[in-house]
Amino acid sequence: MATKSKQTGKDAAKASSKTLQDGRTAAKSKTAAGSSLSQAGSSKKTTGAKAADKASKVLKDKESGAKSKKAAGSALAQKTSKKK
């Protein structure tokens, strides 16, 4: 069973918050930001598969802003991997 000890840091939480408040932000960015922000202050929560997929798309999208990418990166860093 994989263990997780990462949590969203202060800078990533700020970027996530601003991403969620920005009315121009795409839905996939808001999903990643929400996942990242929900993990601020908690090392027990992880990023789900759907949120991780959207976060990956945000990182690949050339039109995504820096704050969105920071939030997406934080969300992806907190995805637990299944080891076989």
N, C-alpha and C. Protein backbone atom coordinates (compact mmCIF):
# COMPACT_ATOMS: atom_id res chain seq x y z
N MET A 1 0.83 -1.18 0.00
CA MET A 1 0.00 0.00 0.00
C MET A 1 0.88 1.24 0.00
N ALA A 2 0.57 2.17 -0.86
CA ALA A 2 1.35 3.39 -0.97
C ALA A 2 1.00 4.36 0.16
N THR A 3 2.01 5.03 0.67
CA THR A 3 1.76 6.03 1.70
C THR A 3 2.03 7.41 1.11
N LYS A 4 1.41 8.41 1.70
CA LYS A 4 1.53 9.77 1.21
C LYS A 4 1.93 10.67 2.35
N SER A 5 2.94 11.48 2.14
CA SER A 5 3.34 12.41 3.18
C SER A 5 3.43 13.84 2.66
N LYS A 6 2.95 14.07 1.44
CA LYS A 6 3.01 15.41 0.87
C LYS A 6 1.72 16.16 1.16
N GLN A 7 1.82 17.47 1.20
CA GLN A 7 0.63 18.32 1.32
C GLN A 7 0.90 19.61 0.58
N THR A 8 -0.15 20.30 0.21
CA THR A 8 -0.03 21.54 -0.54
C THR A 8 0.65 22.61 0.32
N GLY A 9 1.68 23.21 -0.24
CA GLY A 9 2.40 24.27 0.47
C GLY A 9 1.68 25.61 0.36
N LYS A 10 2.21 26.59 1.09
CA LYS A 10 1.58 27.91 1.16
C LYS A 10 1.49 28.58 -0.22
N ASP A 11 2.56 28.55 -1.00
CA ASP A 11 2.56 29.19 -2.32
C ASP A 11 1.58 28.50 -3.28
N ALA A 12 1.57 27.18 -3.26
CA ALA A 12 0.66 26.44 -4.13
C ALA A 12 -0.79 26.65 -3.71
N ALA A 13 -1.03 26.76 -2.41
CA ALA A 13 -2.39 27.01 -1.91
C ALA A 13 -2.87 28.39 -2.37
N LYS A 14 -1.98 29.37 -2.33
CA LYS A 14 -2.32 30.72 -2.81
C LYS A 14 -2.66 30.70 -4.29
N ALA A 15 -1.83 30.01 -5.07
CA ALA A 15 -2.07 29.91 -6.51
C ALA A 15 -3.39 29.19 -6.78
N SER A 16 -3.68 28.17 -6.01
CA SER A 16 -4.92 27.42 -6.17
C SER A 16 -6.12 28.31 -5.87
N SER A 17 -6.02 29.08 -4.81
CA SER A 17 -7.10 29.97 -4.43
C SER A 17 -7.38 31.01 -5.51
N LYS A 18 -6.32 31.61 -6.02
CA LYS A 18 -6.47 32.62 -7.07
C LYS A 18 -7.03 31.99 -8.35
N THR A 19 -6.63 30.78 -8.65
CA THR A 19 -7.14 30.07 -9.82
C THR A 19 -8.65 29.86 -9.69
N LEU A 20 -9.09 29.46 -8.50
CA LEU A 20 -10.52 29.23 -8.29
C LEU A 20 -11.34 30.51 -8.35
N GLN A 21 -10.74 31.63 -7.94
CA GLN A 21 -11.45 32.91 -7.92
C GLN A 21 -11.51 33.59 -9.28
N ASP A 22 -10.63 33.23 -10.18
CA ASP A 22 -10.55 33.86 -11.49
C ASP A 22 -11.68 33.35 -12.39
N GLY A 23 -12.54 34.23 -12.82
CA GLY A 23 -13.67 33.85 -13.65
C GLY A 23 -13.30 33.37 -15.04
N ARG A 24 -12.09 33.64 -15.48
CA ARG A 24 -11.65 33.23 -16.82
C ARG A 24 -11.01 31.85 -16.83
N THR A 25 -10.85 31.26 -15.67
CA THR A 25 -10.16 29.98 -15.56
C THR A 25 -11.02 28.83 -16.09
N ALA A 26 -10.39 27.94 -16.84
CA ALA A 26 -11.08 26.77 -17.41
C ALA A 26 -11.45 25.77 -16.31
N ALA A 27 -12.46 24.98 -16.59
CA ALA A 27 -12.95 23.99 -15.63
C ALA A 27 -11.87 23.01 -15.19
N LYS A 28 -11.04 22.56 -16.14
CA LYS A 28 -9.99 21.59 -15.77
C LYS A 28 -8.99 22.21 -14.80
N SER A 29 -8.71 23.51 -14.95
CA SER A 29 -7.81 24.19 -14.03
C SER A 29 -8.44 24.31 -12.65
N LYS A 30 -9.73 24.58 -12.62
CA LYS A 30 -10.43 24.71 -11.34
C LYS A 30 -10.50 23.36 -10.62
N THR A 31 -10.65 22.29 -11.37
CA THR A 31 -10.67 20.95 -10.76
C THR A 31 -9.32 20.66 -10.10
N ALA A 32 -8.24 20.93 -10.82
CA ALA A 32 -6.90 20.69 -10.28
C ALA A 32 -6.63 21.59 -9.07
N ALA A 33 -7.04 22.86 -9.17
CA ALA A 33 -6.84 23.80 -8.07
C ALA A 33 -7.64 23.39 -6.83
N GLY A 34 -8.86 22.94 -7.06
CA GLY A 34 -9.69 22.49 -5.94
C GLY A 34 -9.09 21.29 -5.23
N SER A 35 -8.56 20.37 -6.01
CA SER A 35 -7.91 19.20 -5.43
C SER A 35 -6.68 19.60 -4.61
N SER A 36 -5.89 20.48 -5.20
CA SER A 36 -4.68 20.94 -4.53
C SER A 36 -5.04 21.68 -3.23
N LEU A 37 -6.01 22.58 -3.31
CA LEU A 37 -6.39 23.38 -2.14
C LEU A 37 -7.00 22.52 -1.04
N SER A 38 -7.72 21.49 -1.41
CA SER A 38 -8.33 20.62 -0.40
C SER A 38 -7.28 19.85 0.38
N GLN A 39 -6.07 19.79 -0.13
CA GLN A 39 -4.99 19.05 0.53
C GLN A 39 -4.05 19.95 1.32
N ALA A 40 -4.35 21.23 1.35
CA ALA A 40 -3.53 22.16 2.14
C ALA A 40 -3.72 21.84 3.62
N GLY A 41 -2.63 21.65 4.32
CA GLY A 41 -2.70 21.37 5.75
C GLY A 41 -3.04 19.93 6.09
N SER A 42 -3.16 19.07 5.10
CA SER A 42 -3.49 17.67 5.37
C SER A 42 -2.60 16.76 4.53
N SER A 43 -1.94 15.85 5.19
CA SER A 43 -1.11 14.89 4.46
C SER A 43 -1.85 13.57 4.27
N LYS A 44 -3.13 13.54 4.62
CA LYS A 44 -3.89 12.30 4.50
C LYS A 44 -4.75 12.24 3.24
N LYS A 45 -4.97 13.36 2.60
CA LYS A 45 -5.79 13.39 1.39
C LYS A 45 -4.91 13.21 0.16
N THR A 46 -5.47 12.63 -0.88
CA THR A 46 -4.73 12.43 -2.12
C THR A 46 -5.54 12.91 -3.31
N THR A 47 -4.86 13.10 -4.42
CA THR A 47 -5.52 13.51 -5.65
C THR A 47 -6.11 12.29 -6.33
N GLY A 48 -7.38 12.37 -6.69
CA GLY A 48 -8.06 11.28 -7.37
C GLY A 48 -7.66 11.19 -8.83
N ALA A 49 -8.04 10.11 -9.46
CA ALA A 49 -7.67 9.85 -10.86
C ALA A 49 -8.22 10.90 -11.82
N LYS A 50 -9.48 11.31 -11.64
CA LYS A 50 -10.08 12.30 -12.54
C LYS A 50 -9.39 13.66 -12.40
N ALA A 51 -9.14 14.07 -11.16
CA ALA A 51 -8.48 15.35 -10.93
C ALA A 51 -7.04 15.31 -11.46
N ALA A 52 -6.37 14.17 -11.31
CA ALA A 52 -5.00 14.03 -11.81
C ALA A 52 -4.98 14.11 -13.33
N ASP A 53 -5.97 13.52 -13.98
CA ASP A 53 -6.06 13.58 -15.44
C ASP A 53 -6.24 15.02 -15.90
N LYS A 54 -7.10 15.76 -15.23
CA LYS A 54 -7.32 17.16 -15.60
C LYS A 54 -6.09 18.01 -15.30
N ALA A 55 -5.42 17.72 -14.19
CA ALA A 55 -4.19 18.45 -13.85
C ALA A 55 -3.13 18.22 -14.91
N SER A 56 -3.03 17.00 -15.39
CA SER A 56 -2.07 16.68 -16.46
C SER A 56 -2.37 17.49 -17.71
N LYS A 57 -3.66 17.60 -18.05
CA LYS A 57 -4.05 18.38 -19.23
C LYS A 57 -3.75 19.86 -19.06
N VAL A 58 -3.89 20.37 -17.85
CA VAL A 58 -3.56 21.77 -17.57
C VAL A 58 -2.08 22.01 -17.82
N LEU A 59 -1.25 21.10 -17.34
CA LEU A 59 0.20 21.25 -17.51
C LEU A 59 0.63 21.18 -18.97
N LYS A 60 -0.08 20.42 -19.77
CA LYS A 60 0.25 20.28 -21.19
C LYS A 60 -0.30 21.42 -22.04
N ASP A 61 -1.31 22.12 -21.52
CA ASP A 61 -1.97 23.19 -22.27
C ASP A 61 -1.12 24.46 -22.28
N LYS A 62 -0.73 24.90 -23.47
CA LYS A 62 0.12 26.08 -23.59
C LYS A 62 -0.60 27.36 -23.17
N GLU A 63 -1.92 27.33 -23.14
CA GLU A 63 -2.69 28.52 -22.78
C GLU A 63 -2.98 28.62 -21.29
N SER A 64 -2.65 27.59 -20.51
CA SER A 64 -2.87 27.64 -19.07
C SER A 64 -1.87 28.60 -18.44
N GLY A 65 -2.36 29.39 -17.48
CA GLY A 65 -1.50 30.36 -16.81
C GLY A 65 -0.60 29.73 -15.76
N ALA A 66 0.33 30.52 -15.27
CA ALA A 66 1.31 30.04 -14.30
C ALA A 66 0.66 29.57 -13.00
N LYS A 67 -0.34 30.30 -12.52
CA LYS A 67 -1.01 29.91 -11.27
C LYS A 67 -1.76 28.59 -11.45
N SER A 68 -2.40 28.44 -12.59
CA SER A 68 -3.11 27.18 -12.87
C SER A 68 -2.13 26.02 -12.92
N LYS A 69 -0.99 26.25 -13.55
CA LYS A 69 0.01 25.19 -13.67
C LYS A 69 0.62 24.85 -12.32
N LYS A 70 0.80 25.85 -11.47
CA LYS A 70 1.35 25.59 -10.14
C LYS A 70 0.37 24.74 -9.33
N ALA A 71 -0.91 25.08 -9.41
CA ALA A 71 -1.93 24.31 -8.70
C ALA A 71 -2.00 22.89 -9.25
N ALA A 72 -1.94 22.75 -10.56
CA ALA A 72 -2.00 21.43 -11.20
C ALA A 72 -0.79 20.58 -10.81
N GLY A 73 0.37 21.19 -10.78
CA GLY A 73 1.58 20.48 -10.38
C GLY A 73 1.50 19.99 -8.95
N SER A 74 0.95 20.82 -8.08
CA SER A 74 0.78 20.43 -6.69
C SER A 74 -0.19 19.25 -6.57
N ALA A 75 -1.28 19.33 -7.33
CA ALA A 75 -2.26 18.24 -7.30
C ALA A 75 -1.64 16.93 -7.79
N LEU A 76 -0.88 17.00 -8.88
CA LEU A 76 -0.25 15.79 -9.42
C LEU A 76 0.80 15.22 -8.47
N ALA A 77 1.51 16.08 -7.78
CA ALA A 77 2.54 15.61 -6.86
C ALA A 77 1.92 14.83 -5.70
N GLN A 78 0.64 15.03 -5.47
CA GLN A 78 -0.03 14.38 -4.35
C GLN A 78 -0.89 13.19 -4.74
N LYS A 79 -0.73 12.75 -5.97
CA LYS A 79 -1.44 11.56 -6.43
C LYS A 79 -0.65 10.34 -5.97
N THR A 80 -1.33 9.41 -5.34
CA THR A 80 -0.63 8.19 -4.95
C THR A 80 -0.56 7.25 -6.14
N SER A 81 0.53 6.60 -6.26
CA SER A 81 0.68 5.64 -7.36
C SER A 81 0.41 4.23 -6.83
N LYS A 82 -0.24 3.44 -7.65
CA LYS A 82 -0.52 2.05 -7.26
C LYS A 82 0.68 1.21 -7.66
N LYS A 83 1.28 0.58 -6.68
CA LYS A 83 2.41 -0.29 -6.98
C LYS A 83 1.93 -1.73 -7.00
N LYS A 84 2.41 -2.46 -8.01
CA LYS A 84 2.01 -3.86 -8.16
C LYS A 84 3.01 -4.78 -7.53
